[in-house]
Amino acid sequence: MPDAADSSAELVPAAAGKGDAEGSQLRSEVDLTQGPHRTGWRYYLRAIGPGLVTGASDDDPSGVATYSQAGAAQGYGMLWVSLVTFPLMAAVQEICDRTALATGKSLGELVVIRWRSRPARIFFGALLIGLLAANALNIAADLVAVGSGMTLLHAGPTWLWALVAGVATTALVMFGSFARIALVFKVLCAALLVYFVVAILVHPPAGQVLRGTFVPQMQLNPTYLTLLVAVLGTTISPYLFFWQSAHRLEDMRDEPEQGRRAVPLAERDSSKSRRKLRASRLDVIAGMAFNNLVMFAIIVSTSATLHAHGTTNLNSAADAAKALEPLAGRWAGALFALGFIGSGMLAIPVLAGAGAAGMAGLLGRRFGFSRSVRQAPVFYGLVAVGTLGGTALTLAHVDPVQLLVISAYINGVAAAPFLLLVMLISSSRTIMGPHRNGRIATTLGWATMVPMTTAAITSFIVGG
């Protein structure tokens, strides 16, 4: 393929601006690895990025709505789930992250390497088309949530802010530099900190919180089990696999000392390779910990307020914010809304970019926000379809709850096959070399198949 997306061989501009080769070349000529700001704890602090963004983007408005429903319906009894999902989520995302580090290629590209038969590629392509469709529906629901949050803050009508958010996000990712996009992502991650403030404002009883966290309270009834599967499916979403891999490649291209390309670990100095692997692993673990702590804070907040006062049925994050105001005060409701507005703006480009990167890699085309529209037309075309398509759906006044139901169904069906592909790739000595899965990653990775397969079966049952 003449336009093959060999991210380990191409020289592409990274951070100075899309297509700004001069700026990127200047950066690549300066080896920043020798300065004091690239050693010790500063190096590891600066390395936090892709993992944090992945974790925070998973707490999008649909996730906030699911966690709010868990707290409202079951109280503190589902806090233990945040402890269980953390190691599973961290293991899966670390595996996806390591595939990029070890090979300098995306998951889509690695599928082509691992399975050369046409039927295998068609099957994977069909899964990716389903993921792209599900992501577009999720984008529409998130845009409506952003608009609803702005309405709750008395800033204007929902449809207007949904339109503004959709257009602004599309413009940012299509024409903004990767450095600017990465900075915006990190700033939006900070919006989720408000949920910790809300959890403190509602004064939850410490005893019940500790009991709910460390003593699982399983109930063998359809309502509880459906909600449990929904929380697990929301936390371990298939689009995150592709985003973690793609964002890590962007991070590797942005390293000035590597010559503007994603250099695999095997081609680096051994000490720098080990340090990069440790820093990336820390980034992923920190991001997944942040994700699960946000889930914990949301369940605590809604348990202490909505569940305690008998409000057990919610359809959206906006419903949770509205219900919080009379119970916990106007500030709690406003902060809750600010949280899912920020997470929605973060999740929209992540949702669009994840599926687009996977499909572009499968087709042998360039991808990534560090490249210009001219350099990666297929990738940006798919991103635009996702963001603008989602924006169009909001203007059609489609029920956002129904969009999330359809999206959850598609994700539930596709999650287990996607994870199977990831595990087979990451366990391959031929592809991964010395960085293939170890015992812990293998155990946790395959253990994650259980809830994801359960989610797929449940999706079939509910959908049927």
Protein backbone atom coordinates (compact mmCIF):
# COMPACT_ATOMS: atom_id res chain seq x y z
CA MET A 1 0.00 0.00 0.00
CA PRO A 2 1.67 3.21 -1.08
CA ASP A 3 -0.03 5.21 1.65
CA ALA A 4 0.66 2.72 4.38
CA ALA A 5 0.52 4.04 7.92
CA ASP A 6 3.93 2.93 9.07
CA SER A 7 4.19 5.16 12.11
CA SER A 8 7.64 3.85 12.92
CA ALA A 9 9.11 4.93 9.60
CA GLU A 10 7.49 8.21 8.63
CA LEU A 11 8.74 11.63 9.63
CA VAL A 12 5.76 13.85 10.40
CA PRO A 13 5.40 17.22 12.10
CA ALA A 14 4.30 16.78 15.67
CA ALA A 15 3.60 19.64 18.00
CA ALA A 16 4.46 22.98 16.49
CA GLY A 17 1.38 22.91 14.30
CA LYS A 18 -0.16 20.73 11.64
CA GLY A 19 2.17 20.79 8.67
CA ASP A 20 4.69 23.06 10.39
CA ALA A 21 7.78 21.08 9.50
CA GLU A 22 10.20 23.85 10.39
CA GLY A 23 8.93 24.14 13.95
CA SER A 24 8.98 20.39 14.44
CA GLN A 25 12.49 20.09 13.01
CA LEU A 26 13.75 22.72 15.42
CA ARG A 27 12.25 20.77 18.30
CA SER A 28 13.76 17.51 17.09
CA GLU A 29 17.24 19.02 16.99
CA VAL A 30 17.19 19.76 20.72
CA ASP A 31 17.74 16.73 22.93
CA LEU A 32 15.76 17.51 26.03
CA THR A 33 16.66 14.24 27.72
CA GLN A 34 19.80 15.77 29.23
CA GLY A 35 18.16 18.62 31.14
CA PRO A 36 17.19 18.39 34.79
CA HIS A 37 13.52 18.84 33.88
CA ARG A 38 13.63 15.47 32.07
CA THR A 39 14.93 13.43 34.99
CA GLY A 40 13.57 12.23 38.29
CA TRP A 41 10.01 12.93 39.37
CA ARG A 42 9.65 15.81 36.89
CA TYR A 43 10.06 13.39 34.01
CA TYR A 44 7.31 11.13 35.32
CA LEU A 45 5.03 14.06 36.08
CA ARG A 46 5.45 15.39 32.54
CA ALA A 47 4.76 11.91 31.16
CA ILE A 48 1.21 11.86 32.54
CA GLY A 49 -1.11 12.54 29.63
CA PRO A 50 -2.50 9.80 27.36
CA GLY A 51 -3.51 7.55 30.26
CA LEU A 52 -5.09 10.42 32.17
CA VAL A 53 -7.07 11.55 29.12
CA THR A 54 -8.27 8.00 28.46
CA GLY A 55 -9.42 7.56 32.04
CA ALA A 56 -11.12 10.95 32.24
CA SER A 57 -12.86 10.59 28.87
CA ASP A 58 -14.50 7.39 30.10
CA ASP A 59 -16.31 9.49 32.71
CA ASP A 60 -18.37 11.14 29.97
CA PRO A 61 -22.00 12.22 30.55
CA SER A 62 -23.28 8.73 29.76
CA GLY A 63 -20.89 7.31 32.35
CA VAL A 64 -21.90 9.98 34.85
CA ALA A 65 -25.55 9.07 34.25
CA THR A 66 -24.83 5.36 34.79
CA TYR A 67 -22.91 5.96 38.01
CA SER A 68 -25.60 8.36 39.23
CA GLN A 69 -28.26 5.74 38.57
CA ALA A 70 -26.18 3.18 40.47
CA GLY A 71 -25.96 5.46 43.50
CA ALA A 72 -29.59 6.57 43.33
CA ALA A 73 -31.00 3.06 42.93
CA GLN A 74 -28.61 0.99 45.06
CA GLY A 75 -27.08 3.50 47.44
CA TYR A 76 -23.61 2.73 48.79
CA GLY A 77 -24.08 -0.93 47.90
CA MET A 78 -22.30 -0.56 44.56
CA LEU A 79 -19.20 1.32 45.73
CA TRP A 80 -17.26 -1.95 45.76
CA VAL A 81 -17.47 -2.05 41.96
CA SER A 82 -14.95 0.82 41.73
CA LEU A 83 -12.38 -1.37 43.49
CA VAL A 84 -13.03 -4.36 41.24
CA THR A 85 -12.97 -2.45 37.95
CA PHE A 86 -9.74 -0.57 38.69
CA PRO A 87 -7.25 -3.46 38.25
CA LEU A 88 -9.20 -4.84 35.28
CA MET A 89 -9.39 -1.48 33.54
CA ALA A 90 -5.77 -0.62 34.33
CA ALA A 91 -4.55 -3.98 33.01
CA VAL A 92 -6.45 -3.72 29.72
CA GLN A 93 -5.36 -0.14 29.04
CA GLU A 94 -1.75 -0.89 30.00
CA ILE A 95 -1.78 -3.76 27.50
CA CYS A 96 -3.14 -1.50 24.75
CA ASP A 97 -0.60 1.15 25.68
CA ARG A 98 2.26 -1.35 25.58
CA THR A 99 1.35 -2.55 22.09
CA ALA A 100 2.00 0.99 20.84
CA LEU A 101 5.22 1.34 22.82
CA ALA A 102 6.61 -2.00 21.69
CA THR A 103 5.73 -1.70 17.99
CA GLY A 104 5.22 1.98 17.17
CA LYS A 105 1.97 0.95 15.49
CA SER A 106 -1.74 1.23 16.22
CA LEU A 107 -4.08 -1.66 16.96
CA GLY A 108 -5.58 -1.36 13.49
CA GLU A 109 -2.15 -1.75 11.90
CA LEU A 110 -1.28 -4.66 14.18
CA VAL A 111 -4.42 -6.53 13.17
CA VAL A 112 -3.19 -6.44 9.57
CA ILE A 113 0.17 -7.83 10.70
CA ARG A 114 -1.31 -10.52 12.97
CA TRP A 115 -4.08 -11.69 10.61
CA ARG A 116 -3.31 -11.52 6.92
CA SER A 117 -6.42 -13.34 5.71
CA ARG A 118 -9.15 -11.33 4.04
CA PRO A 119 -12.02 -12.78 6.16
CA ALA A 120 -10.26 -11.74 9.38
CA ARG A 121 -9.84 -8.17 8.15
CA ILE A 122 -13.46 -8.03 6.98
CA PHE A 123 -14.63 -9.25 10.39
CA PHE A 124 -12.50 -6.68 12.20
CA GLY A 125 -13.62 -3.97 9.76
CA ALA A 126 -17.27 -4.81 10.46
CA LEU A 127 -16.62 -4.49 14.20
CA LEU A 128 -14.96 -1.12 13.63
CA ILE A 129 -17.88 0.12 11.52
CA GLY A 130 -20.17 -0.82 14.39
CA LEU A 131 -17.87 1.01 16.81
CA LEU A 132 -17.87 4.13 14.61
CA ALA A 133 -21.67 4.07 14.54
CA ALA A 134 -21.92 3.57 18.29
CA ASN A 135 -19.45 6.38 18.89
CA ALA A 136 -21.45 8.77 16.68
CA LEU A 137 -24.58 8.01 18.70
CA ASN A 138 -22.65 8.48 21.93
CA ILE A 139 -21.27 11.80 20.63
CA ALA A 140 -24.81 13.00 19.94
CA ALA A 141 -25.92 12.03 23.45
CA ASP A 142 -22.87 13.75 24.97
CA LEU A 143 -23.54 16.92 22.96
CA VAL A 144 -27.11 16.98 24.24
CA ALA A 145 -25.75 16.50 27.76
CA VAL A 146 -23.36 19.43 27.32
CA GLY A 147 -26.24 21.56 26.08
CA SER A 148 -28.46 20.43 28.96
CA GLY A 149 -25.72 21.29 31.43
CA MET A 150 -25.41 24.80 30.01
CA THR A 151 -29.19 25.16 30.24
CA LEU A 152 -29.05 24.15 33.91
CA LEU A 153 -26.52 26.93 34.39
CA HIS A 154 -29.00 29.34 32.74
CA ALA A 155 -26.64 29.97 29.81
CA GLY A 156 -29.11 29.38 26.98
CA PRO A 157 -31.10 26.67 25.18
CA THR A 158 -29.84 23.10 24.93
CA TRP A 159 -29.88 22.90 21.13
CA LEU A 160 -27.74 26.04 20.77
CA TRP A 161 -24.98 24.85 23.09
CA ALA A 162 -25.05 21.35 21.59
CA LEU A 163 -24.48 22.96 18.18
CA VAL A 164 -21.73 25.25 19.49
CA ALA A 165 -19.99 22.34 21.24
CA GLY A 166 -20.13 20.15 18.14
CA VAL A 167 -18.80 22.81 15.77
CA ALA A 168 -16.11 24.01 18.21
CA THR A 169 -14.86 20.48 18.86
CA THR A 170 -14.72 19.70 15.14
CA ALA A 171 -12.79 22.90 14.44
CA LEU A 172 -10.32 22.21 17.26
CA VAL A 173 -9.40 18.70 16.14
CA MET A 174 -9.41 19.50 12.42
CA PHE A 175 -7.30 22.65 12.51
CA GLY A 176 -5.64 22.91 15.93
CA SER A 177 -2.07 21.80 16.59
CA PHE A 178 -1.50 18.61 18.56
CA ALA A 179 0.14 20.61 21.36
CA ARG A 180 -2.99 22.75 21.68
CA ILE A 181 -5.30 19.74 21.51
CA ALA A 182 -3.29 17.88 24.17
CA LEU A 183 -3.37 20.94 26.44
CA VAL A 184 -7.14 21.31 26.04
CA PHE A 185 -7.58 17.62 26.87
CA LYS A 186 -5.62 17.97 30.10
CA VAL A 187 -7.53 21.11 31.12
CA LEU A 188 -10.86 19.35 30.53
CA CYS A 189 -9.70 16.47 32.73
CA ALA A 190 -9.61 18.94 35.63
CA ALA A 191 -13.37 19.52 35.26
CA LEU A 192 -13.99 16.12 36.84
CA LEU A 193 -12.40 17.28 40.10
CA VAL A 194 -15.70 18.98 40.93
CA TYR A 195 -17.23 15.58 41.73
CA PHE A 196 -14.88 15.22 44.67
CA VAL A 197 -16.07 18.62 45.91
CA VAL A 198 -19.71 17.54 45.55
CA ALA A 199 -19.00 14.31 47.46
CA ILE A 200 -17.61 16.39 50.34
CA LEU A 201 -20.48 18.89 50.26
CA VAL A 202 -23.15 16.21 50.77
CA HIS A 203 -21.51 14.93 54.01
CA PRO A 204 -21.86 11.16 53.44
CA PRO A 205 -21.83 8.86 56.49
CA ALA A 206 -18.31 7.44 56.72
CA GLY A 207 -19.43 4.07 58.10
CA GLN A 208 -21.79 3.35 55.23
CA VAL A 209 -19.22 4.49 52.68
CA LEU A 210 -16.57 2.14 54.10
CA ARG A 211 -19.02 -0.76 54.30
CA GLY A 212 -20.18 -0.25 50.73
CA THR A 213 -16.59 -0.02 49.50
CA PHE A 214 -15.12 -3.12 51.13
CA VAL A 215 -18.16 -5.38 51.62
CA PRO A 216 -19.77 -6.35 48.28
CA GLN A 217 -23.56 -6.39 48.50
CA MET A 218 -24.60 -8.55 45.57
CA GLN A 219 -28.26 -8.99 44.75
CA LEU A 220 -29.43 -11.71 42.38
CA ASN A 221 -32.30 -9.80 40.83
CA PRO A 222 -32.62 -8.52 37.22
CA THR A 223 -32.56 -4.82 38.17
CA TYR A 224 -29.33 -5.07 40.16
CA LEU A 225 -27.58 -7.33 37.66
CA THR A 226 -28.55 -5.14 34.70
CA LEU A 227 -27.21 -2.06 36.48
CA LEU A 228 -24.02 -3.91 37.45
CA VAL A 229 -23.40 -4.94 33.83
CA ALA A 230 -24.10 -1.35 32.73
CA VAL A 231 -21.46 -0.01 35.14
CA LEU A 232 -18.92 -2.60 34.01
CA GLY A 233 -19.69 -1.97 30.33
CA THR A 234 -19.40 1.79 30.81
CA THR A 235 -16.08 1.50 32.61
CA ILE A 236 -14.41 -0.91 30.16
CA SER A 237 -15.52 0.53 26.81
CA PRO A 238 -14.05 -0.83 23.55
CA TYR A 239 -13.32 2.60 22.05
CA LEU A 240 -10.83 3.19 24.87
CA PHE A 241 -8.62 0.37 23.55
CA PHE A 242 -8.04 2.21 20.29
CA TRP A 243 -7.75 5.63 21.86
CA GLN A 244 -5.08 4.55 24.36
CA SER A 245 -2.98 3.04 21.60
CA ALA A 246 -3.44 5.97 19.21
CA HIS A 247 -2.81 8.66 21.83
CA ARG A 248 0.35 6.92 22.98
CA LEU A 249 1.61 6.96 19.40
CA GLU A 250 0.86 10.69 19.25
CA ASP A 251 2.81 11.11 22.47
CA MET A 252 5.75 9.17 21.01
CA ARG A 253 5.74 11.27 17.83
CA ASP A 254 5.78 14.38 19.97
CA GLU A 255 9.04 13.41 21.71
CA PRO A 256 11.60 15.88 20.34
CA GLU A 257 14.54 13.55 20.87
CA GLN A 258 13.01 10.81 18.70
CA GLY A 259 13.00 12.67 15.38
CA ARG A 260 9.25 13.19 15.01
CA ARG A 261 8.28 9.53 14.69
CA ALA A 262 6.93 6.86 17.02
CA VAL A 263 10.14 5.01 17.84
CA PRO A 264 9.51 1.51 19.30
CA LEU A 265 11.15 0.61 22.60
CA ALA A 266 13.48 -1.86 20.90
CA GLU A 267 15.08 0.96 18.88
CA ARG A 268 15.85 3.08 21.94
CA ASP A 269 18.70 3.06 24.39
CA SER A 270 17.94 0.37 26.99
CA SER A 271 17.87 2.75 29.97
CA LYS A 272 15.63 5.24 28.16
CA SER A 273 13.42 2.40 26.98
CA ARG A 274 12.90 1.17 30.55
CA ARG A 275 12.21 4.69 31.77
CA LYS A 276 9.68 5.31 29.00
CA LEU A 277 7.91 2.05 29.80
CA ARG A 278 7.77 2.85 33.53
CA ALA A 279 6.55 6.39 32.92
CA SER A 280 3.86 5.24 30.50
CA ARG A 281 2.70 2.54 32.89
CA LEU A 282 2.47 5.11 35.69
CA ASP A 283 0.47 7.37 33.38
CA VAL A 284 -2.03 4.60 32.60
CA ILE A 285 -2.41 3.51 36.22
CA ALA A 286 -2.89 7.13 37.36
CA GLY A 287 -5.49 7.70 34.65
CA MET A 288 -7.47 4.58 35.51
CA ALA A 289 -7.26 5.39 39.24
CA PHE A 290 -8.63 8.86 38.51
CA ASN A 291 -11.46 7.34 36.48
CA ASN A 292 -12.51 4.99 39.26
CA LEU A 293 -12.20 7.66 41.95
CA VAL A 294 -14.58 9.86 39.94
CA MET A 295 -16.99 6.94 39.71
CA PHE A 296 -16.65 6.47 43.47
CA ALA A 297 -17.35 10.16 44.16
CA ILE A 298 -20.44 10.22 41.93
CA ILE A 299 -21.92 7.11 43.55
CA VAL A 300 -21.25 8.57 47.01
CA SER A 301 -22.85 11.89 46.07
CA THR A 302 -26.04 10.39 44.63
CA SER A 303 -26.27 7.78 47.40
CA ALA A 304 -26.13 10.43 50.13
CA THR A 305 -28.76 12.59 48.45
CA LEU A 306 -30.98 10.95 45.83
CA HIS A 307 -31.09 7.44 47.27
CA ALA A 308 -31.51 8.75 50.81
CA HIS A 309 -34.58 10.77 49.72
CA GLY A 310 -36.18 8.11 47.54
CA THR A 311 -35.17 9.46 44.09
CA THR A 312 -34.15 6.24 42.37
CA ASN A 313 -34.94 6.72 38.67
CA LEU A 314 -32.69 8.86 36.46
CA ASN A 315 -32.36 9.03 32.69
CA SER A 316 -29.40 11.37 32.29
CA ALA A 317 -26.62 13.26 34.04
CA ALA A 318 -28.78 16.41 33.77
CA ASP A 319 -31.54 14.62 35.72
CA ALA A 320 -29.05 13.90 38.49
CA ALA A 321 -27.90 17.54 38.61
CA LYS A 322 -31.52 18.78 38.77
CA ALA A 323 -32.39 16.33 41.54
CA LEU A 324 -29.32 17.31 43.54
CA GLU A 325 -30.16 21.01 43.78
CA PRO A 326 -33.08 20.86 46.25
CA LEU A 327 -31.33 18.20 48.33
CA ALA A 328 -27.71 19.31 48.45
CA GLY A 329 -27.94 22.96 47.47
CA ARG A 330 -27.67 25.02 44.31
CA TRP A 331 -23.88 24.88 44.27
CA ALA A 332 -23.83 21.08 44.34
CA GLY A 333 -26.15 20.91 41.33
CA ALA A 334 -24.13 23.53 39.44
CA LEU A 335 -20.83 21.79 40.16
CA PHE A 336 -22.31 18.46 39.08
CA ALA A 337 -23.36 20.07 35.78
CA LEU A 338 -19.92 21.65 35.25
CA GLY A 339 -18.35 18.23 35.68
CA PHE A 340 -20.28 16.51 32.91
CA ILE A 341 -20.02 19.56 30.62
CA GLY A 342 -16.22 19.30 30.83
CA SER A 343 -16.16 15.51 30.51
CA GLY A 344 -18.53 15.68 27.54
CA MET A 345 -16.28 18.14 25.71
CA LEU A 346 -13.34 15.80 26.38
CA ALA A 347 -15.13 12.61 25.37
CA ILE A 348 -16.43 13.89 22.01
CA PRO A 349 -13.04 14.11 20.20
CA VAL A 350 -11.86 10.94 21.95
CA LEU A 351 -14.91 9.01 20.73
CA ALA A 352 -14.45 10.34 17.21
CA GLY A 353 -10.69 9.85 17.14
CA ALA A 354 -10.66 6.32 18.57
CA GLY A 355 -12.70 4.61 15.87
CA ALA A 356 -11.15 6.77 13.14
CA ALA A 357 -7.62 5.76 14.18
CA GLY A 358 -8.58 2.08 14.26
CA MET A 359 -10.19 2.14 10.81
CA ALA A 360 -7.42 4.26 9.25
CA GLY A 361 -4.80 1.85 10.59
CA LEU A 362 -6.70 -1.14 9.22
CA LEU A 363 -6.90 0.51 5.80
CA GLY A 364 -3.20 1.38 5.82
CA ARG A 365 -3.79 5.12 5.98
CA ARG A 366 -2.12 7.79 8.09
CA PHE A 367 -3.90 8.92 11.25
CA GLY A 368 -3.48 11.21 14.22
CA PHE A 369 -4.21 14.75 15.37
CA SER A 370 -0.51 15.54 15.00
CA ARG A 371 -0.95 15.30 11.23
CA SER A 372 -2.72 17.78 8.98
CA VAL A 373 -5.97 17.13 7.15
CA ARG A 374 -3.99 16.87 3.92
CA GLN A 375 -1.64 14.28 5.43
CA ALA A 376 -4.41 12.11 6.94
CA PRO A 377 -7.61 12.73 4.93
CA VAL A 378 -9.25 9.36 5.73
CA PHE A 379 -8.71 9.79 9.46
CA TYR A 380 -10.07 13.34 9.52
CA GLY A 381 -12.95 12.38 7.26
CA LEU A 382 -14.02 9.74 9.76
CA VAL A 383 -13.54 12.16 12.66
CA ALA A 384 -15.74 14.74 10.90
CA VAL A 385 -18.41 12.12 10.22
CA GLY A 386 -18.49 11.31 13.91
CA THR A 387 -18.53 14.84 15.32
CA LEU A 388 -20.70 16.51 12.67
CA GLY A 389 -22.95 13.46 12.39
CA GLY A 390 -23.49 13.55 16.13
CA THR A 391 -24.19 17.28 15.95
CA ALA A 392 -26.78 16.70 13.21
CA LEU A 393 -28.53 14.10 15.36
CA THR A 394 -28.91 16.63 18.19
CA LEU A 395 -30.65 19.05 15.82
CA ALA A 396 -33.06 16.27 14.80
CA HIS A 397 -34.28 16.17 18.43
CA VAL A 398 -33.61 12.44 18.77
CA ASP A 399 -34.11 11.07 22.29
CA PRO A 400 -30.57 10.99 23.82
CA VAL A 401 -31.54 8.17 26.18
CA GLN A 402 -32.50 6.01 23.21
CA LEU A 403 -29.18 6.88 21.55
CA LEU A 404 -27.30 5.66 24.61
CA VAL A 405 -29.32 2.43 24.72
CA ILE A 406 -28.42 1.65 21.10
CA SER A 407 -24.79 2.67 21.64
CA ALA A 408 -24.52 0.52 24.77
CA TYR A 409 -25.98 -2.43 22.88
CA ILE A 410 -23.41 -2.16 20.07
CA ASN A 411 -20.53 -1.68 22.52
CA GLY A 412 -21.72 -4.61 24.61
CA VAL A 413 -21.67 -6.89 21.58
CA ALA A 414 -18.29 -5.65 20.25
CA ALA A 415 -16.37 -5.37 23.53
CA ALA A 416 -15.47 -9.05 24.03
CA PRO A 417 -14.26 -9.65 20.42
CA PHE A 418 -12.15 -6.50 20.55
CA LEU A 419 -10.53 -7.56 23.81
CA LEU A 420 -9.88 -11.01 22.35
CA LEU A 421 -8.01 -9.39 19.46
CA VAL A 422 -6.03 -7.21 21.87
CA MET A 423 -5.03 -10.17 24.02
CA LEU A 424 -3.93 -12.27 21.05
CA ILE A 425 -1.83 -9.41 19.66
CA SER A 426 -0.23 -8.49 22.99
CA SER A 427 0.63 -12.12 23.75
CA SER A 428 2.46 -12.64 20.46
CA ARG A 429 6.23 -12.96 20.81
CA THR A 430 6.63 -12.22 17.09
CA ILE A 431 4.86 -8.85 17.36
CA MET A 432 5.71 -7.76 20.89
CA GLY A 433 9.11 -9.37 21.43
CA PRO A 434 10.26 -9.06 25.07
CA HIS A 435 7.35 -6.73 25.82
CA ARG A 436 4.62 -9.32 25.33
CA ASN A 437 2.19 -9.92 28.19
CA GLY A 438 3.58 -11.22 31.46
CA ARG A 439 1.75 -13.39 33.97
CA ILE A 440 -0.12 -10.56 35.72
CA ALA A 441 -1.22 -8.86 32.49
CA THR A 442 -2.32 -12.19 31.03
CA THR A 443 -4.34 -13.14 34.12
CA LEU A 444 -6.07 -9.76 34.48
CA GLY A 445 -6.61 -9.39 30.74
CA TRP A 446 -8.37 -12.72 30.35
CA ALA A 447 -10.24 -12.16 33.64
CA THR A 448 -11.70 -9.00 32.14
CA MET A 449 -13.26 -11.13 29.41
CA VAL A 450 -15.77 -12.45 31.96
CA PRO A 451 -17.67 -9.18 32.66
CA MET A 452 -17.31 -8.09 29.03
CA THR A 453 -18.72 -11.37 27.72
CA THR A 454 -21.50 -11.09 30.29
CA ALA A 455 -22.21 -7.58 29.03
CA ALA A 456 -22.38 -8.90 25.45
CA ILE A 457 -24.80 -11.69 26.39
CA THR A 458 -26.91 -9.26 28.41
CA SER A 459 -26.98 -6.88 25.44
CA PHE A 460 -28.28 -9.68 23.23
CA ILE A 461 -30.96 -10.59 25.76
CA VAL A 462 -32.09 -7.01 26.35
CA GLY A 463 -31.83 -6.12 22.68
CA GLY A 464 -33.79 -9.19 21.67
